[in-house]
């Protein structure tokens, strides 16, 4: 799969995804400082699923009507890198085939697919 990992999600997540043989664009490593509008546009036009901790992307999608190829919002109580990796590992293990074009909220205990 193709993932664009937001700067706030960090390089550890990007490295782990690469180790799992996914194609990854890391904002932290490759385009630090670009704004959210550029991120969501890049993800859409280049066919990336966006992984972020930034709930502002929900606003962009649902209120401002930005198009997307999929967004994974990590809403973790403990947002250390290891916890992020574990949450994504669980998500991919159980729901990988359902992520494209969906807005998904992931917590330590739940995966919720938001309305379209």
Protein backbone atom coordinates (compact mmCIF):
# COMPACT_ATOMS: atom_id res chain seq x y z
CA UNK A 1 0.00 0.00 0.00
CA UNK A 2 0.96 3.65 -0.38
CA UNK A 3 1.04 5.80 2.75
CA UNK A 4 1.80 9.47 3.25
CA UNK A 5 2.87 9.84 6.88
CA UNK A 6 2.20 13.30 8.30
CA UNK A 7 4.99 15.17 10.06
CA UNK A 8 3.26 14.90 13.46
CA UNK A 9 3.02 11.12 13.12
CA UNK A 10 6.78 10.93 12.76
CA UNK A 11 9.62 9.05 11.10
CA UNK A 12 9.41 5.89 13.23
CA UNK A 13 6.01 5.07 11.75
CA UNK A 14 7.32 5.74 8.24
CA UNK A 15 10.33 3.48 8.78
CA UNK A 16 8.18 0.68 10.20
CA UNK A 17 5.81 0.85 7.22
CA UNK A 18 8.77 0.64 4.83
CA UNK A 19 10.04 -2.40 6.73
CA UNK A 20 6.62 -3.96 6.09
CA UNK A 21 7.20 -3.35 2.35
CA UNK A 22 4.77 -0.46 1.94
CA UNK A 23 5.55 2.55 -0.22
CA UNK A 24 5.88 5.59 2.05
CA UNK A 25 6.24 9.34 1.72
CA UNK A 26 7.26 10.86 5.05
CA UNK A 27 6.52 14.55 5.46
CA UNK A 28 8.95 14.64 8.41
CA UNK A 29 11.79 13.24 6.29
CA UNK A 30 11.00 14.65 2.85
CA UNK A 31 8.93 17.84 3.09
CA UNK A 32 9.05 19.16 6.63
CA UNK A 33 6.97 22.27 7.17
CA UNK A 34 4.50 21.96 4.29
CA UNK A 35 0.99 22.97 5.26
CA UNK A 36 -2.07 20.77 5.64
CA UNK A 37 -3.61 21.93 2.34
CA UNK A 38 -0.49 20.83 0.47
CA UNK A 39 -0.41 17.53 2.33
CA UNK A 40 -3.99 16.56 1.59
CA UNK A 41 -3.68 17.66 -2.04
CA UNK A 42 -0.47 15.66 -2.49
CA UNK A 43 -2.04 12.60 -0.90
CA UNK A 44 -5.04 12.85 -3.21
CA UNK A 45 -3.27 13.58 -6.49
CA UNK A 46 -0.51 11.02 -5.91
CA UNK A 47 -2.84 8.33 -4.52
CA UNK A 48 -1.50 8.06 -0.96
CA UNK A 49 -3.46 7.07 2.16
CA UNK A 50 -2.71 9.78 4.72
CA UNK A 51 -1.73 8.76 8.27
CA UNK A 52 -1.96 11.60 10.78
CA UNK A 53 -2.55 12.57 14.41
CA UNK A 54 -3.97 15.93 13.28
CA UNK A 55 -7.76 16.04 13.55
CA UNK A 56 -7.80 19.19 11.39
CA UNK A 57 -7.86 16.87 8.37
CA UNK A 58 -11.38 15.79 9.35
CA UNK A 59 -12.39 19.44 9.11
CA UNK A 60 -10.82 19.69 5.66
CA UNK A 61 -12.61 16.60 4.41
CA UNK A 62 -16.04 17.00 5.96
CA UNK A 63 -16.45 20.78 6.13
CA UNK A 64 -14.20 22.04 3.34
CA UNK A 65 -14.93 19.03 1.08
CA UNK A 66 -11.34 18.14 0.16
CA UNK A 67 -11.03 14.93 -1.82
CA UNK A 68 -8.87 12.14 -0.43
CA UNK A 69 -7.72 8.57 -1.11
CA UNK A 70 -8.03 7.56 2.52
CA UNK A 71 -7.16 9.07 5.89
CA UNK A 72 -6.12 7.24 9.04
CA UNK A 73 -6.49 9.47 12.09
CA UNK A 74 -4.61 8.18 15.14
CA UNK A 75 -6.41 9.32 18.32
CA UNK A 76 -4.21 7.68 20.91
CA UNK A 77 -4.01 8.54 24.60
CA UNK A 78 -0.35 7.51 24.52
CA UNK A 79 1.09 8.92 21.32
CA UNK A 80 4.62 7.61 21.62
CA UNK A 81 6.02 6.15 18.40
CA UNK A 82 5.73 2.54 19.56
CA UNK A 83 2.05 2.98 20.33
CA UNK A 84 1.44 4.51 16.91
CA UNK A 85 3.18 1.58 15.22
CA UNK A 86 1.17 -0.92 17.25
CA UNK A 87 -2.12 0.81 16.38
CA UNK A 88 -1.26 0.79 12.67
CA UNK A 89 -0.12 -2.84 12.84
CA UNK A 90 -3.49 -3.84 14.34
CA UNK A 91 -5.34 -1.73 11.78
CA UNK A 92 -3.53 -3.28 8.83
CA UNK A 93 -3.92 -6.77 10.22
CA UNK A 94 -7.69 -6.47 10.50
CA UNK A 95 -8.76 -3.84 7.98
CA UNK A 96 -6.15 -3.35 5.23
CA UNK A 97 -8.60 -4.05 2.42
CA UNK A 98 -11.05 -1.41 3.73
CA UNK A 99 -8.79 1.65 3.96
CA UNK A 100 -8.84 3.10 0.44
CA UNK A 101 -11.08 6.16 0.13
CA UNK A 102 -12.20 5.88 3.78
CA UNK A 103 -11.74 8.12 6.82
CA UNK A 104 -10.71 5.88 9.69
CA UNK A 105 -10.28 6.83 13.34
CA UNK A 106 -8.02 4.52 15.35
CA UNK A 107 -7.75 4.46 19.14
CA UNK A 108 -6.07 1.96 21.44
CA UNK A 109 -9.27 -0.10 21.57
CA UNK A 110 -11.35 0.81 18.50
CA UNK A 111 -11.34 1.27 14.77
CA UNK A 112 -14.15 3.46 13.49
CA UNK A 113 -14.95 4.11 9.85
CA UNK A 114 -16.51 7.56 9.56
CA UNK A 115 -19.43 8.23 7.29
CA UNK A 116 -18.67 8.94 3.67
